[in-house]
Amino acid sequence: MAAEIHERTQYDWFAVAKVLETQGEFEQALEAYAESLKIDPEFAKSWFYMAKLHYQLGQMDLAKDCVRHTLELEPDWKRYVEKYMPDLKY
C-alpha cells in the first residue's frame, strides 16, 4: 500500500505559523505565513497575522505593507488593525 503524499495547504502553513509564533520562533513563523501566501496570495488571515507580528517586532514598514494587503482583501478588518496595531500609520 503506497503512502499518500499530503501537500500542505495555506491553512496548514497558517497553523504552523501560529504554533511557531506561540513558541517565540518569530522568524520561522513569518516564513510559514509567507509559505501560506505563496499558495494563496489572497489569504487575508496570513496577511493580517504577518502584519501583527511585524508590528510586534518593530518592523513597521513591513507591517504597513501587510496591512495594505489585508485591507485590500478585507476592508472591514480595519477595526482589527486599529485594535491590534493602534499607532500604525498605513
N, C-alpha and C. Protein backbone atom coordinates (compact mmCIF):
# COMPACT_ATOMS: atom_id res chain seq x y z
N MET A 1 0.84 -1.18 0.00
CA MET A 1 0.00 0.00 0.00
C MET A 1 0.89 1.24 0.00
N ALA A 2 0.74 2.06 -0.98
CA ALA A 2 1.55 3.28 -1.11
C ALA A 2 1.06 4.35 -0.14
N ALA A 3 2.01 5.06 0.42
CA ALA A 3 1.66 6.16 1.33
C ALA A 3 1.13 7.33 0.51
N GLU A 4 0.11 7.95 1.03
CA GLU A 4 -0.47 9.10 0.36
C GLU A 4 0.32 10.35 0.73
N ILE A 5 0.74 11.09 -0.27
CA ILE A 5 1.51 12.31 -0.03
C ILE A 5 0.53 13.46 0.15
N HIS A 6 0.71 14.16 1.24
CA HIS A 6 -0.17 15.29 1.55
C HIS A 6 0.61 16.58 1.36
N GLU A 7 0.19 17.38 0.40
CA GLU A 7 0.81 18.68 0.22
C GLU A 7 0.16 19.66 1.18
N ARG A 8 0.96 20.52 1.76
CA ARG A 8 0.42 21.49 2.71
C ARG A 8 -0.38 22.56 1.98
N THR A 9 -1.48 22.92 2.60
CA THR A 9 -2.33 24.00 2.08
C THR A 9 -1.96 25.30 2.79
N GLN A 10 -2.58 26.38 2.34
CA GLN A 10 -2.36 27.66 3.02
C GLN A 10 -2.83 27.59 4.47
N TYR A 11 -3.85 26.78 4.73
CA TYR A 11 -4.36 26.62 6.09
C TYR A 11 -3.35 25.87 6.96
N ASP A 12 -2.70 24.87 6.38
CA ASP A 12 -1.67 24.12 7.10
C ASP A 12 -0.51 25.05 7.48
N TRP A 13 -0.04 25.84 6.51
CA TRP A 13 1.07 26.75 6.78
C TRP A 13 0.67 27.80 7.81
N PHE A 14 -0.57 28.27 7.75
CA PHE A 14 -1.06 29.24 8.73
C PHE A 14 -1.02 28.62 10.13
N ALA A 15 -1.47 27.39 10.26
CA ALA A 15 -1.46 26.71 11.56
C ALA A 15 -0.03 26.53 12.08
N VAL A 16 0.88 26.17 11.19
CA VAL A 16 2.29 26.04 11.57
C VAL A 16 2.81 27.38 12.06
N ALA A 17 2.48 28.44 11.35
CA ALA A 17 2.94 29.79 11.73
C ALA A 17 2.44 30.17 13.11
N LYS A 18 1.18 29.88 13.40
CA LYS A 18 0.62 30.23 14.71
C LYS A 18 1.33 29.47 15.83
N VAL A 19 1.63 28.19 15.61
CA VAL A 19 2.35 27.40 16.61
C VAL A 19 3.75 27.99 16.83
N LEU A 20 4.44 28.26 15.74
CA LEU A 20 5.79 28.82 15.85
C LEU A 20 5.77 30.16 16.58
N GLU A 21 4.77 30.96 16.28
CA GLU A 21 4.65 32.27 16.93
C GLU A 21 4.46 32.11 18.44
N THR A 22 3.63 31.17 18.85
CA THR A 22 3.41 30.98 20.29
C THR A 22 4.66 30.42 20.99
N GLN A 23 5.53 29.79 20.22
CA GLN A 23 6.77 29.25 20.77
C GLN A 23 7.91 30.28 20.75
N GLY A 24 7.60 31.49 20.26
CA GLY A 24 8.63 32.53 20.20
C GLY A 24 9.56 32.41 19.01
N GLU A 25 9.23 31.56 18.07
CA GLU A 25 10.03 31.37 16.86
C GLU A 25 9.51 32.31 15.77
N PHE A 26 9.77 33.61 15.97
CA PHE A 26 9.13 34.63 15.14
C PHE A 26 9.57 34.62 13.68
N GLU A 27 10.86 34.46 13.43
CA GLU A 27 11.33 34.45 12.03
C GLU A 27 10.76 33.25 11.28
N GLN A 28 10.74 32.09 11.93
CA GLN A 28 10.18 30.90 11.30
C GLN A 28 8.67 31.07 11.09
N ALA A 29 8.01 31.73 12.02
CA ALA A 29 6.57 31.99 11.86
C ALA A 29 6.33 32.87 10.64
N LEU A 30 7.14 33.91 10.49
CA LEU A 30 7.00 34.78 9.31
C LEU A 30 7.21 33.99 8.02
N GLU A 31 8.16 33.08 8.04
CA GLU A 31 8.41 32.23 6.86
C GLU A 31 7.20 31.35 6.57
N ALA A 32 6.58 30.81 7.60
CA ALA A 32 5.41 29.95 7.40
C ALA A 32 4.22 30.76 6.87
N TYR A 33 4.02 31.98 7.39
CA TYR A 33 2.97 32.84 6.83
C TYR A 33 3.25 33.10 5.35
N ALA A 34 4.51 33.36 5.02
CA ALA A 34 4.88 33.62 3.62
C ALA A 34 4.60 32.39 2.75
N GLU A 35 4.85 31.20 3.29
CA GLU A 35 4.56 29.98 2.53
C GLU A 35 3.06 29.87 2.25
N SER A 36 2.24 30.22 3.23
CA SER A 36 0.79 30.16 3.01
C SER A 36 0.37 31.13 1.91
N LEU A 37 1.05 32.28 1.86
CA LEU A 37 0.71 33.28 0.84
C LEU A 37 1.24 32.91 -0.54
N LYS A 38 2.27 32.08 -0.61
CA LYS A 38 2.72 31.57 -1.91
C LYS A 38 1.63 30.70 -2.53
N ILE A 39 0.93 29.97 -1.68
CA ILE A 39 -0.14 29.09 -2.15
C ILE A 39 -1.38 29.89 -2.50
N ASP A 40 -1.72 30.84 -1.63
CA ASP A 40 -2.92 31.66 -1.85
C ASP A 40 -2.62 33.11 -1.45
N PRO A 41 -2.21 33.94 -2.42
CA PRO A 41 -1.88 35.33 -2.13
C PRO A 41 -3.06 36.16 -1.61
N GLU A 42 -4.25 35.61 -1.69
CA GLU A 42 -5.43 36.33 -1.21
C GLU A 42 -5.94 35.79 0.13
N PHE A 43 -5.08 35.08 0.85
CA PHE A 43 -5.44 34.54 2.16
C PHE A 43 -5.21 35.64 3.20
N ALA A 44 -6.26 36.40 3.45
CA ALA A 44 -6.17 37.61 4.28
C ALA A 44 -5.69 37.34 5.70
N LYS A 45 -6.05 36.19 6.26
CA LYS A 45 -5.63 35.89 7.63
C LYS A 45 -4.11 35.88 7.76
N SER A 46 -3.43 35.33 6.78
CA SER A 46 -1.97 35.32 6.84
C SER A 46 -1.41 36.73 6.72
N TRP A 47 -1.98 37.53 5.83
CA TRP A 47 -1.53 38.93 5.71
C TRP A 47 -1.71 39.66 7.03
N PHE A 48 -2.87 39.47 7.68
CA PHE A 48 -3.15 40.17 8.93
C PHE A 48 -2.20 39.75 10.04
N TYR A 49 -2.05 38.44 10.24
CA TYR A 49 -1.20 37.98 11.33
C TYR A 49 0.27 38.25 11.06
N MET A 50 0.65 38.27 9.80
CA MET A 50 2.01 38.65 9.45
C MET A 50 2.22 40.13 9.79
N ALA A 51 1.24 40.96 9.49
CA ALA A 51 1.31 42.39 9.84
C ALA A 51 1.45 42.56 11.34
N LYS A 52 0.63 41.83 12.07
CA LYS A 52 0.64 41.92 13.53
C LYS A 52 2.00 41.52 14.11
N LEU A 53 2.58 40.47 13.57
CA LEU A 53 3.88 40.01 14.06
C LEU A 53 4.98 41.01 13.70
N HIS A 54 4.98 41.52 12.48
CA HIS A 54 5.95 42.55 12.10
C HIS A 54 5.82 43.76 13.03
N TYR A 55 4.59 44.14 13.32
CA TYR A 55 4.32 45.27 14.21
C TYR A 55 4.92 45.00 15.60
N GLN A 56 4.68 43.82 16.12
CA GLN A 56 5.20 43.46 17.45
C GLN A 56 6.73 43.45 17.48
N LEU A 57 7.34 43.15 16.33
CA LEU A 57 8.80 43.11 16.24
C LEU A 57 9.39 44.48 15.91
N GLY A 58 8.53 45.49 15.76
CA GLY A 58 9.00 46.84 15.46
C GLY A 58 9.36 47.05 14.00
N GLN A 59 8.93 46.16 13.13
CA GLN A 59 9.21 46.24 11.69
C GLN A 59 8.04 46.94 11.01
N MET A 60 7.95 48.25 11.22
CA MET A 60 6.76 48.99 10.83
C MET A 60 6.52 49.04 9.32
N ASP A 61 7.58 49.19 8.53
CA ASP A 61 7.38 49.24 7.08
C ASP A 61 6.80 47.92 6.56
N LEU A 62 7.29 46.82 7.08
CA LEU A 62 6.76 45.52 6.67
C LEU A 62 5.34 45.33 7.18
N ALA A 63 5.07 45.80 8.39
CA ALA A 63 3.71 45.72 8.93
C ALA A 63 2.75 46.52 8.06
N LYS A 64 3.15 47.71 7.66
CA LYS A 64 2.29 48.56 6.82
C LYS A 64 1.96 47.87 5.50
N ASP A 65 2.97 47.27 4.89
CA ASP A 65 2.76 46.57 3.62
C ASP A 65 1.75 45.44 3.79
N CYS A 66 1.89 44.67 4.85
CA CYS A 66 0.96 43.57 5.11
C CYS A 66 -0.44 44.07 5.42
N VAL A 67 -0.54 45.18 6.14
CA VAL A 67 -1.85 45.77 6.44
C VAL A 67 -2.53 46.21 5.15
N ARG A 68 -1.78 46.80 4.26
CA ARG A 68 -2.38 47.24 2.98
C ARG A 68 -2.96 46.05 2.23
N HIS A 69 -2.21 44.96 2.18
CA HIS A 69 -2.73 43.75 1.53
C HIS A 69 -3.98 43.24 2.24
N THR A 70 -3.93 43.23 3.56
CA THR A 70 -5.08 42.76 4.34
C THR A 70 -6.32 43.56 4.00
N LEU A 71 -6.19 44.88 4.01
CA LEU A 71 -7.36 45.74 3.82
C LEU A 71 -7.84 45.77 2.37
N GLU A 72 -6.96 45.48 1.42
CA GLU A 72 -7.41 45.33 0.03
C GLU A 72 -8.35 44.13 -0.07
N LEU A 73 -8.03 43.08 0.67
CA LEU A 73 -8.82 41.85 0.62
C LEU A 73 -10.03 41.89 1.55
N GLU A 74 -9.86 42.50 2.70
CA GLU A 74 -10.91 42.53 3.73
C GLU A 74 -11.02 43.93 4.33
N PRO A 75 -11.65 44.86 3.63
CA PRO A 75 -11.74 46.25 4.12
C PRO A 75 -12.39 46.36 5.50
N ASP A 76 -13.29 45.46 5.82
CA ASP A 76 -13.97 45.51 7.12
C ASP A 76 -13.05 45.17 8.29
N TRP A 77 -11.87 44.65 8.00
CA TRP A 77 -10.94 44.29 9.06
C TRP A 77 -10.19 45.50 9.61
N LYS A 78 -10.51 46.68 9.11
CA LYS A 78 -9.84 47.90 9.58
C LYS A 78 -9.95 48.02 11.10
N ARG A 79 -11.08 47.63 11.65
CA ARG A 79 -11.26 47.73 13.11
C ARG A 79 -10.28 46.83 13.86
N TYR A 80 -9.93 45.69 13.27
CA TYR A 80 -8.96 44.80 13.91
C TYR A 80 -7.54 45.38 13.82
N VAL A 81 -7.26 45.98 12.68
CA VAL A 81 -5.96 46.64 12.51
C VAL A 81 -5.82 47.74 13.56
N GLU A 82 -6.87 48.54 13.71
CA GLU A 82 -6.82 49.64 14.68
C GLU A 82 -6.76 49.13 16.12
N LYS A 83 -7.36 47.99 16.38
CA LYS A 83 -7.33 47.42 17.73
C LYS A 83 -5.96 46.86 18.09
N TYR A 84 -5.36 46.10 17.18
CA TYR A 84 -4.12 45.39 17.49
C TYR A 84 -2.86 46.15 17.10
N MET A 85 -2.99 47.15 16.23
CA MET A 85 -1.85 47.95 15.79
C MET A 85 -2.25 49.43 15.83
N PRO A 86 -2.61 49.93 17.01
CA PRO A 86 -3.27 51.23 17.11
C PRO A 86 -2.47 52.43 16.60
N ASP A 87 -1.16 52.40 16.72
CA ASP A 87 -0.39 53.57 16.29
C ASP A 87 0.30 53.38 14.94
N LEU A 88 -0.10 52.35 14.21
CA LEU A 88 0.48 52.11 12.89
C LEU A 88 -0.15 53.04 11.87
N LYS A 89 0.68 53.83 11.21
CA LYS A 89 0.20 54.72 10.14
C LYS A 89 0.40 54.00 8.81
N TYR A 90 -0.69 53.65 8.17
CA TYR A 90 -0.60 52.88 6.92
C TYR A 90 -1.24 53.59 5.76
